[in-house]
Amino acid sequence: MSVPTVGSFRSELEAVRTKLREGHLNAVREVLKDSDILAACREVGHEFRDRLLAPVVAVFHMIAAALWPDFSFQAAWHVFGSRHVGSGSLAKARGRLPEDLFDKLSRFVAGAADRLSGSRATWRGHRVVDLDGTCVSMEDNPDLKAEFGVPNTRHGPGRYPVARLVAGTLWGTMTIIGYAVGAYTASEQALAMRLLPSLRPGDLLVGDRHFAGANLYAAYLRRGLEFLTRVHQRLKIGRLRKLVEYSTDDLVVQLPVGKKHRREDPDLPGSLPVRLIHLEARVRGKFQSIWLATSLVDAAKYPAAEIARLYAGRWRIETLFRELKVASGADVLRSKSPSGVRKELAARVMALNLVRCVMIQAAVKHGKEPTRLSFSAALRLVVSTSLRMSAAPVLQLGRLFEMMLERVAAAEVSERPGRDEPRALTREWKHYPHLRVSRAEWRRRHAA
């Protein structure tokens, strides 16, 4: 039996490294290339050795964990990796990557999605950005509880830490162009303010009543943004001074800014003109009389009926949150440190955007609407095509990619305007009680 020389060992190791770098998620690497990850490492000042689990491999591994149905880091490695690596080594590789790197890469992928979206994300010259918030849970860990906090319930403090997330998404393609994450006690309005610098002047923000209010409207306008929200529930419309009345259901009013807000921020104006549009809409199965507030005061340029349809499309962001939390596994994050949680969330947002980029490419090539394509089908096709491409000859890679786009475009979902579904389960869970103490505590109590 011959003993391998040092040179042959090094060549074998380099072959393993090459296979790892080239075997991860080939189907989405047209958007996020190895050179992009290495450039981001240089820009944030991250220095690394040429090891087996280099930054390129570690980043794609975290993205793969969001796409594989098990959602675990180890399971994703078993599927996409080509060499046995322990969970401890994977954790160290993730830990070596700085948070700034993931912030940089997340913005890079969001920018690529924005460029691919193009005119599909605009309405009458404005890029439309839907704004909404949600929560994500994580492991029962003291450090995570101290960083993010736990919700208070009628049974007392919750067991698991929860973080609050606010995301801005492109209306026409449902890609996340920016997000902010904070403690559970952080308000959605405060997190939304952290997103505003990443938006462009002229963008149209579309949000629910959480993002309504004269002080918030003034903050949007100060940055050159337009807005469209439902009016705040406490606003007394009959008391406002009318400036223009296009009809009884369409008028421009002078909206005063509260004294409290002007004391906190003396730069706020005393009032601002806001257009109010009244409509009858079905909300959660019931027809309601609602008012919309917008800075688009020109009725000739911005018809009320189009604004109403634009606001109705805002509900697609709820579907996007389901894709992020259920299909991409961000509902319960698995990292055990605050830094790891933020990096994992960034990787899962990148995974969602990369799949969306594939959907946009398929829609453009085959003349479809990106929002009418199935995200679940696209995710499965990205994973299966990546596995096929990792073992295919170079000459077949282009054909496999084109086949993937064709199948993604064929997976169309039906148009369901005014869709209303119950928030209830058809199948019961098992009739077991909830475990309200730790497993170790339960075993100690029942040891006898």
Protein backbone atom coordinates (compact mmCIF):
# COMPACT_ATOMS: atom_id res chain seq x y z
CA MET A 1 0.00 0.00 0.00
CA SER A 2 1.52 3.30 -1.06
CA VAL A 3 1.56 6.30 1.24
CA PRO A 4 0.25 9.48 -0.42
CA THR A 5 2.78 12.23 -0.80
CA VAL A 6 2.24 15.75 0.51
CA GLY A 7 1.71 17.02 -3.01
CA SER A 8 -1.00 14.46 -3.77
CA PHE A 9 -2.76 15.20 -0.47
CA ARG A 10 -2.80 18.90 -1.26
CA SER A 11 -4.15 18.28 -4.75
CA GLU A 12 -6.85 16.01 -3.30
CA LEU A 13 -7.78 18.68 -0.75
CA GLU A 14 -7.95 21.33 -3.45
CA ALA A 15 -10.20 19.06 -5.51
CA VAL A 16 -12.54 18.72 -2.49
CA ARG A 17 -12.56 22.50 -2.02
CA THR A 18 -13.36 23.03 -5.68
CA LYS A 19 -16.17 20.49 -5.57
CA LEU A 20 -17.63 22.15 -2.49
CA ARG A 21 -17.45 25.61 -4.03
CA GLU A 22 -18.99 24.49 -7.30
CA GLY A 23 -21.56 22.04 -5.94
CA HIS A 24 -23.77 24.37 -3.91
CA LEU A 25 -26.98 25.78 -5.41
CA ASN A 26 -25.86 26.05 -9.02
CA ALA A 27 -29.33 27.14 -10.09
CA VAL A 28 -29.08 30.53 -8.34
CA ARG A 29 -25.39 31.28 -8.75
CA GLU A 30 -26.02 33.38 -11.80
CA VAL A 31 -27.38 36.03 -9.39
CA LEU A 32 -24.94 35.49 -6.50
CA LYS A 33 -21.50 34.48 -7.79
CA ASP A 34 -18.41 33.40 -5.87
CA SER A 35 -16.69 36.63 -6.90
CA ASP A 36 -19.54 38.63 -5.35
CA ILE A 37 -19.08 36.89 -1.98
CA LEU A 38 -15.31 37.35 -2.06
CA ALA A 39 -15.70 41.02 -3.01
CA ALA A 40 -18.08 41.50 -0.07
CA CYS A 41 -15.52 39.88 2.24
CA ARG A 42 -12.90 42.37 1.09
CA GLU A 43 -15.26 45.34 1.48
CA VAL A 44 -16.14 44.48 5.09
CA GLY A 45 -12.50 43.65 5.93
CA HIS A 46 -13.05 39.95 6.58
CA GLU A 47 -9.77 38.07 6.24
CA PHE A 48 -9.83 34.27 5.95
CA ARG A 49 -7.58 31.34 5.27
CA ASP A 50 -7.99 29.00 2.31
CA ARG A 51 -9.68 26.31 4.35
CA LEU A 52 -12.24 23.63 3.53
CA LEU A 53 -15.22 25.64 4.80
CA ALA A 54 -14.30 28.93 3.13
CA PRO A 55 -16.73 31.89 3.10
CA VAL A 56 -18.19 30.92 -0.29
CA VAL A 57 -19.06 27.43 0.96
CA ALA A 58 -20.34 28.66 4.34
CA VAL A 59 -22.59 31.33 2.81
CA PHE A 60 -24.15 28.98 0.25
CA HIS A 61 -24.53 26.35 2.95
CA MET A 62 -26.62 28.75 5.08
CA ILE A 63 -28.74 29.65 2.06
CA ALA A 64 -29.18 25.95 1.25
CA ALA A 65 -30.46 25.34 4.79
CA ALA A 66 -33.31 27.77 4.03
CA LEU A 67 -34.24 25.92 0.84
CA TRP A 68 -34.02 22.32 1.98
CA PRO A 69 -37.33 21.15 3.58
CA ASP A 70 -35.64 20.05 6.83
CA PHE A 71 -34.33 23.63 7.38
CA SER A 72 -31.44 22.35 9.50
CA PHE A 73 -27.81 23.23 8.78
CA GLN A 74 -26.63 19.62 9.11
CA ALA A 75 -29.33 18.24 6.81
CA ALA A 76 -28.50 20.84 4.16
CA TRP A 77 -24.83 19.83 4.36
CA HIS A 78 -25.68 16.14 3.95
CA VAL A 79 -27.60 16.98 0.78
CA PHE A 80 -25.35 19.58 -0.85
CA GLY A 81 -21.96 18.75 0.71
CA SER A 82 -19.59 16.19 -0.71
CA ARG A 83 -17.53 15.38 2.39
CA HIS A 84 -18.50 14.49 5.96
CA VAL A 85 -18.18 17.51 8.22
CA GLY A 86 -19.37 17.63 11.83
CA SER A 87 -21.98 20.05 13.08
CA GLY A 88 -19.34 21.70 15.28
CA SER A 89 -17.18 22.54 12.28
CA LEU A 90 -20.20 23.94 10.44
CA ALA A 91 -21.09 26.09 13.45
CA LYS A 92 -17.54 27.44 13.64
CA ALA A 93 -17.58 28.23 9.91
CA ARG A 94 -20.82 30.20 10.34
CA GLY A 95 -19.45 31.93 13.42
CA ARG A 96 -16.34 33.13 11.57
CA LEU A 97 -18.46 35.13 9.12
CA PRO A 98 -19.19 38.68 10.34
CA GLU A 99 -22.69 40.13 10.43
CA ASP A 100 -21.56 42.93 8.12
CA LEU A 101 -20.88 40.36 5.42
CA PHE A 102 -24.46 39.10 5.49
CA ASP A 103 -25.82 42.65 5.52
CA LYS A 104 -23.70 43.40 2.46
CA LEU A 105 -24.74 40.24 0.63
CA SER A 106 -28.40 40.72 1.53
CA ARG A 107 -28.33 44.23 0.04
CA PHE A 108 -26.49 42.90 -3.03
CA VAL A 109 -29.12 40.21 -3.72
CA ALA A 110 -31.92 42.72 -3.05
CA GLY A 111 -30.32 45.07 -5.58
CA ALA A 112 -30.13 42.28 -8.16
CA ALA A 113 -33.81 41.48 -7.56
CA ASP A 114 -34.66 45.18 -7.94
CA ARG A 115 -32.84 45.38 -11.27
CA LEU A 116 -34.54 42.24 -12.55
CA SER A 117 -37.94 43.57 -11.44
CA GLY A 118 -37.57 46.73 -13.53
CA SER A 119 -40.87 48.20 -14.68
CA ARG A 120 -42.85 45.32 -13.14
CA ALA A 121 -42.38 46.95 -9.73
CA THR A 122 -43.55 50.41 -10.78
CA TRP A 123 -46.93 52.10 -11.09
CA ARG A 124 -47.33 55.45 -12.87
CA GLY A 125 -43.64 56.25 -12.51
CA HIS A 126 -43.32 55.24 -8.85
CA ARG A 127 -41.59 52.16 -7.52
CA VAL A 128 -44.21 50.65 -5.20
CA VAL A 129 -42.93 49.27 -1.87
CA ASP A 130 -45.28 47.36 0.42
CA LEU A 131 -44.46 47.74 4.11
CA ASP A 132 -45.51 45.36 6.88
CA GLY A 133 -44.24 43.59 9.98
CA THR A 134 -44.22 40.12 11.49
CA CYS A 135 -42.48 38.15 14.25
CA VAL A 136 -40.05 35.24 14.23
CA SER A 137 -39.29 32.85 17.07
CA MET A 138 -36.08 31.09 18.06
CA GLU A 139 -34.46 28.68 20.52
CA ASP A 140 -35.05 28.84 24.28
CA ASN A 141 -31.73 30.46 25.14
CA PRO A 142 -30.86 33.02 27.89
CA ASP A 143 -28.75 35.15 25.54
CA LEU A 144 -31.54 35.30 22.98
CA LYS A 145 -34.12 36.18 25.63
CA ALA A 146 -31.91 39.00 26.90
CA GLU A 147 -31.41 40.34 23.37
CA PHE A 148 -34.91 39.99 21.89
CA GLY A 149 -37.26 39.45 24.83
CA VAL A 150 -40.33 37.24 25.16
CA PRO A 151 -44.01 38.08 24.58
CA ASN A 152 -46.40 38.43 27.50
CA THR A 153 -49.45 36.16 27.33
CA ARG A 154 -52.44 35.59 29.58
CA HIS A 155 -50.51 32.70 31.09
CA GLY A 156 -47.52 34.93 31.86
CA PRO A 157 -44.25 35.48 29.98
CA GLY A 158 -43.73 33.26 26.95
CA ARG A 159 -41.12 30.52 26.94
CA TYR A 160 -39.39 31.37 23.68
CA PRO A 161 -37.70 34.60 22.59
CA VAL A 162 -39.32 36.43 19.70
CA ALA A 163 -37.90 39.09 17.37
CA ARG A 164 -39.91 41.67 15.46
CA LEU A 165 -39.30 42.11 11.74
CA VAL A 166 -40.41 44.84 9.33
CA ALA A 167 -39.83 44.32 5.61
CA GLY A 168 -40.21 46.42 2.49
CA THR A 169 -41.16 44.42 -0.60
CA LEU A 170 -41.61 45.30 -4.25
CA TRP A 171 -45.29 45.28 -5.12
CA GLY A 172 -44.90 43.82 -8.60
CA THR A 173 -42.49 40.94 -7.89
CA MET A 174 -42.70 40.33 -4.10
CA THR A 175 -38.96 40.55 -3.50
CA ILE A 176 -37.65 41.92 -0.20
CA ILE A 177 -35.57 45.03 -0.89
CA GLY A 178 -34.92 45.84 2.77
CA TYR A 179 -35.76 44.72 6.28
CA ALA A 180 -35.09 45.67 9.88
CA VAL A 181 -35.12 43.35 12.88
CA GLY A 182 -35.28 44.26 16.55
CA ALA A 183 -36.51 43.16 19.96
CA TYR A 184 -40.09 42.03 20.45
CA THR A 185 -40.85 45.28 22.31
CA ALA A 186 -39.64 47.41 19.38
CA SER A 187 -42.46 49.13 17.49
CA GLU A 188 -43.04 48.48 13.83
CA GLN A 189 -42.96 52.24 13.21
CA ALA A 190 -39.46 52.55 14.71
CA LEU A 191 -38.20 49.62 12.64
CA ALA A 192 -39.80 51.12 9.52
CA MET A 193 -37.87 54.36 10.10
CA ARG A 194 -34.64 52.33 9.89
CA LEU A 195 -35.70 51.17 6.42
CA LEU A 196 -36.35 54.61 4.94
CA PRO A 197 -32.70 55.47 4.13
CA SER A 198 -32.49 52.42 1.87
CA LEU A 199 -35.41 53.63 -0.30
CA ARG A 200 -35.24 55.98 -3.28
CA PRO A 201 -36.92 59.38 -3.63
CA GLY A 202 -40.19 58.94 -5.47
CA ASP A 203 -40.91 55.47 -4.04
CA LEU A 204 -44.53 54.90 -3.03
CA LEU A 205 -44.89 53.28 0.40
CA VAL A 206 -48.04 51.19 0.85
CA GLY A 207 -48.86 50.15 4.42
CA ASP A 208 -51.65 49.39 6.84
CA ARG A 209 -52.75 51.52 9.82
CA HIS A 210 -49.59 50.67 11.76
CA PHE A 211 -47.74 53.05 9.43
CA ALA A 212 -50.38 55.80 9.40
CA GLY A 213 -50.21 59.13 11.22
CA ALA A 214 -49.38 62.75 10.42
CA ASN A 215 -45.92 62.53 12.02
CA LEU A 216 -45.09 59.40 9.99
CA TYR A 217 -46.42 60.98 6.80
CA ALA A 218 -44.16 63.99 7.41
CA ALA A 219 -41.18 61.64 7.89
CA TYR A 220 -41.96 59.92 4.59
CA LEU A 221 -42.28 63.20 2.71
CA ARG A 222 -39.08 64.53 4.26
CA ARG A 223 -37.19 61.74 2.48
CA GLY A 224 -38.95 62.36 -0.81
CA LEU A 225 -41.27 59.33 -0.49
CA GLU A 226 -44.96 59.10 -1.34
CA PHE A 227 -47.33 57.11 0.86
CA LEU A 228 -50.61 55.20 0.75
CA THR A 229 -52.14 53.78 3.94
CA ARG A 230 -55.44 53.24 5.63
CA VAL A 231 -56.28 56.18 7.85
CA HIS A 232 -55.47 55.89 11.54
CA GLN A 233 -58.42 54.52 13.52
CA ARG A 234 -58.53 57.61 15.76
CA LEU A 235 -58.69 60.16 12.95
CA LYS A 236 -61.90 62.23 12.96
CA ILE A 237 -62.35 62.93 9.27
CA GLY A 238 -65.37 65.21 9.75
CA ARG A 239 -63.27 67.67 11.76
CA LEU A 240 -60.60 68.18 9.10
CA ARG A 241 -60.50 71.28 6.90
CA LYS A 242 -61.18 70.46 3.26
CA LEU A 243 -58.85 71.90 0.64
CA VAL A 244 -60.20 70.20 -2.50
CA GLU A 245 -63.30 68.04 -2.97
CA TYR A 246 -63.19 65.90 -6.11
CA SER A 247 -66.29 64.03 -4.90
CA THR A 248 -67.91 63.02 -1.63
CA ASP A 249 -65.59 59.98 -1.56
CA ASP A 250 -62.44 61.72 -2.78
CA LEU A 251 -61.12 64.89 -1.12
CA VAL A 252 -57.91 66.62 -0.05
CA VAL A 253 -57.76 67.80 3.59
CA GLN A 254 -55.35 69.66 5.82
CA LEU A 255 -54.04 67.09 8.29
CA PRO A 256 -52.61 68.61 11.50
CA VAL A 257 -49.48 67.20 13.14
CA GLY A 258 -49.88 66.59 16.87
CA LYS A 259 -48.25 69.00 19.32
CA LYS A 260 -46.54 66.15 21.12
CA HIS A 261 -44.74 65.06 17.94
CA ARG A 262 -43.75 68.65 17.10
CA ARG A 263 -42.27 69.08 20.57
CA GLU A 264 -40.19 65.93 20.05
CA ASP A 265 -39.19 67.04 16.54
CA PRO A 266 -39.40 70.82 16.00
CA ASP A 267 -38.69 70.37 12.26
CA LEU A 268 -42.10 68.78 11.71
CA PRO A 269 -44.64 71.00 9.94
CA GLY A 270 -47.81 72.12 11.66
CA SER A 271 -49.95 70.38 9.04
CA LEU A 272 -49.75 68.78 5.60
CA PRO A 273 -52.17 68.18 2.71
CA VAL A 274 -53.44 64.60 2.46
CA ARG A 275 -55.87 63.06 0.02
CA LEU A 276 -58.58 60.83 1.50
CA ILE A 277 -60.36 58.21 -0.60
CA HIS A 278 -63.44 56.34 0.63
CA LEU A 279 -64.32 52.85 -0.55
CA GLU A 280 -66.28 49.77 0.38
CA ALA A 281 -64.05 46.73 0.72
CA ARG A 282 -64.28 43.21 2.04
CA VAL A 283 -61.95 42.76 5.01
CA ARG A 284 -61.71 39.25 6.49
CA GLY A 285 -64.98 38.23 4.91
CA LYS A 286 -66.99 41.34 5.87
CA PHE A 287 -67.71 44.43 3.81
CA GLN A 288 -66.41 47.50 5.58
CA SER A 289 -66.36 51.21 4.89
CA ILE A 290 -62.71 52.30 4.90
CA TRP A 291 -60.73 55.45 4.12
CA LEU A 292 -57.35 55.56 2.46
CA ALA A 293 -54.81 58.36 2.99
CA THR A 294 -52.24 59.22 0.34
CA SER A 295 -49.85 61.98 -0.68
CA LEU A 296 -50.88 61.54 -4.34
CA VAL A 297 -53.25 64.51 -4.34
CA ASP A 298 -53.66 64.92 -8.15
CA ALA A 299 -56.88 63.08 -9.03
CA ALA A 300 -56.32 63.41 -12.76
CA LYS A 301 -52.88 61.86 -12.62
CA TYR A 302 -53.72 59.26 -9.96
CA PRO A 303 -57.33 58.00 -10.33
CA ALA A 304 -59.00 56.88 -7.10
CA ALA A 305 -60.04 53.51 -8.55
CA GLU A 306 -56.44 52.64 -9.42
CA ILE A 307 -55.25 53.69 -5.97
CA ALA A 308 -57.89 51.42 -4.40
CA ARG A 309 -56.72 48.46 -6.51
CA LEU A 310 -53.13 49.25 -5.63
CA TYR A 311 -53.91 49.12 -1.93
CA ALA A 312 -55.87 45.88 -2.35
CA GLY A 313 -52.70 44.26 -3.75
CA ARG A 314 -50.89 45.05 -0.51
CA TRP A 315 -52.25 41.84 1.00
CA ARG A 316 -49.78 39.84 -1.10
CA ILE A 317 -47.13 40.68 1.50
CA GLU A 318 -48.92 38.33 3.90
CA THR A 319 -48.31 35.53 1.42
CA LEU A 320 -44.67 36.57 1.19
CA PHE A 321 -44.30 36.35 4.98
CA ARG A 322 -45.74 32.84 4.79
CA GLU A 323 -43.12 31.96 2.18
CA LEU A 324 -40.38 33.41 4.38
CA LYS A 325 -41.53 31.78 7.61
CA VAL A 326 -42.97 28.46 6.41
CA ALA A 327 -41.41 27.67 3.03
CA SER A 328 -37.99 29.14 3.96
CA GLY A 329 -37.98 28.10 7.63
CA ALA A 330 -37.66 31.53 9.27
CA ASP A 331 -40.61 30.94 11.59
CA VAL A 332 -38.35 29.29 14.19
CA LEU A 333 -34.68 30.19 13.76
CA ARG A 334 -32.12 27.63 14.93
CA SER A 335 -29.07 29.70 15.84
CA LYS A 336 -28.22 30.04 19.53
CA SER A 337 -26.64 33.50 19.64
CA PRO A 338 -28.04 36.95 18.74
CA SER A 339 -25.41 37.38 16.04
CA GLY A 340 -26.17 33.93 14.64
CA VAL A 341 -29.89 34.70 14.58
CA ARG A 342 -29.35 37.88 12.57
CA LYS A 343 -27.04 36.08 10.13
CA GLU A 344 -29.45 33.18 9.75
CA LEU A 345 -32.36 35.54 9.10
CA ALA A 346 -30.29 37.37 6.46
CA ALA A 347 -29.48 34.04 4.79
CA ARG A 348 -33.16 33.07 4.69
CA VAL A 349 -34.13 36.44 3.23
CA MET A 350 -31.42 35.97 0.60
CA ALA A 351 -32.75 32.48 -0.17
CA LEU A 352 -36.25 33.84 -0.72
CA ASN A 353 -34.95 36.62 -2.97
CA LEU A 354 -32.81 34.23 -5.00
CA VAL A 355 -35.83 32.02 -5.69
CA ARG A 356 -37.83 35.12 -6.58
CA CYS A 357 -35.07 36.16 -9.00
CA VAL A 358 -35.45 32.80 -10.76
CA MET A 359 -39.22 33.39 -10.93
CA ILE A 360 -38.70 36.83 -12.45
CA GLN A 361 -36.31 35.41 -15.06
CA ALA A 362 -38.83 32.68 -15.91
CA ALA A 363 -41.67 35.21 -16.15
CA VAL A 364 -39.70 37.51 -18.44
CA LYS A 365 -38.59 34.69 -20.73
CA HIS A 366 -42.02 33.10 -21.05
CA GLY A 367 -44.27 36.18 -20.89
CA LYS A 368 -45.84 35.56 -17.48
CA GLU A 369 -46.52 37.72 -14.41
CA PRO A 370 -44.02 36.98 -11.58
CA THR A 371 -46.74 37.18 -8.91
CA ARG A 372 -48.80 34.54 -10.72
CA LEU A 373 -46.08 31.88 -10.46
CA SER A 374 -45.94 29.35 -7.62
CA PHE A 375 -43.18 30.06 -5.11
CA SER A 376 -43.34 26.54 -3.66
CA ALA A 377 -42.90 24.97 -7.09
CA ALA A 378 -40.04 27.34 -7.90
CA LEU A 379 -38.28 26.50 -4.64
CA ARG A 380 -38.52 22.75 -5.31
CA LEU A 381 -37.26 23.22 -8.86
CA VAL A 382 -34.30 25.32 -7.70
CA VAL A 383 -33.24 22.59 -5.26
CA SER A 384 -33.74 19.68 -7.67
CA THR A 385 -32.04 21.49 -10.56
CA SER A 386 -29.10 22.45 -8.36
CA LEU A 387 -28.58 18.81 -7.45
CA ARG A 388 -28.72 17.78 -11.12
CA MET A 389 -26.36 20.55 -12.18
CA SER A 390 -23.79 19.60 -9.54
CA ALA A 391 -23.32 16.21 -11.25
CA ALA A 392 -23.90 17.21 -14.88
CA PRO A 393 -21.24 17.97 -17.51
CA VAL A 394 -20.53 21.62 -18.16
CA LEU A 395 -22.13 21.48 -21.61
CA GLN A 396 -25.49 20.50 -20.09
CA LEU A 397 -25.68 23.25 -17.45
CA GLY A 398 -27.26 25.84 -19.74
CA ARG A 399 -29.91 23.39 -20.93
CA LEU A 400 -30.76 22.38 -17.35
CA PHE A 401 -31.14 26.03 -16.37
CA GLU A 402 -33.44 26.73 -19.33
CA MET A 403 -35.53 23.66 -18.47
CA MET A 404 -35.86 24.93 -14.91
CA LEU A 405 -37.11 28.34 -16.11
CA GLU A 406 -39.62 26.65 -18.41
CA ARG A 407 -41.00 24.50 -15.59
CA VAL A 408 -41.12 27.45 -13.17
CA ALA A 409 -43.11 29.47 -15.72
CA ALA A 410 -45.52 26.54 -16.20
CA ALA A 411 -46.35 26.39 -12.47
CA GLU A 412 -48.94 29.16 -12.55
CA VAL A 413 -51.43 29.85 -9.75
CA SER A 414 -54.94 31.04 -10.42
CA GLU A 415 -56.00 34.65 -9.96
CA ARG A 416 -58.16 34.95 -6.83
CA PRO A 417 -59.18 38.58 -6.24
CA GLY A 418 -60.79 39.23 -2.87
CA ARG A 419 -59.58 35.87 -1.57
CA ASP A 420 -60.74 35.17 1.98
CA GLU A 421 -59.60 32.09 3.89
CA PRO A 422 -60.25 31.07 7.51
CA ARG A 423 -57.36 31.17 9.96
CA ALA A 424 -58.16 27.68 11.20
CA LEU A 425 -56.86 24.13 10.81
CA THR A 426 -58.87 21.35 9.20
CA ARG A 427 -56.82 18.60 10.84
CA GLU A 428 -56.59 18.44 14.63
CA TRP A 429 -53.26 18.20 16.40
CA LYS A 430 -52.58 15.19 18.61
CA HIS A 431 -54.41 15.29 21.92
CA TYR A 432 -51.31 15.82 24.01
CA PRO A 433 -50.96 18.66 26.52
CA HIS A 434 -48.50 21.48 25.91
CA LEU A 435 -45.12 21.05 27.59
CA ARG A 436 -44.89 24.18 29.75
CA VAL A 437 -41.60 23.32 31.48
CA SER A 438 -38.24 22.22 30.11
CA ARG A 439 -37.75 18.56 29.29
CA ALA A 440 -35.06 18.29 31.96
CA GLU A 441 -37.48 19.70 34.55
CA TRP A 442 -40.21 17.31 33.42
CA ARG A 443 -37.85 14.31 33.73
CA ARG A 444 -36.77 15.48 37.20
CA ARG A 445 -40.39 15.72 38.39
CA HIS A 446 -41.28 12.30 36.98
CA ALA A 447 -38.05 10.51 37.89
CA ALA A 448 -39.76 8.51 40.60
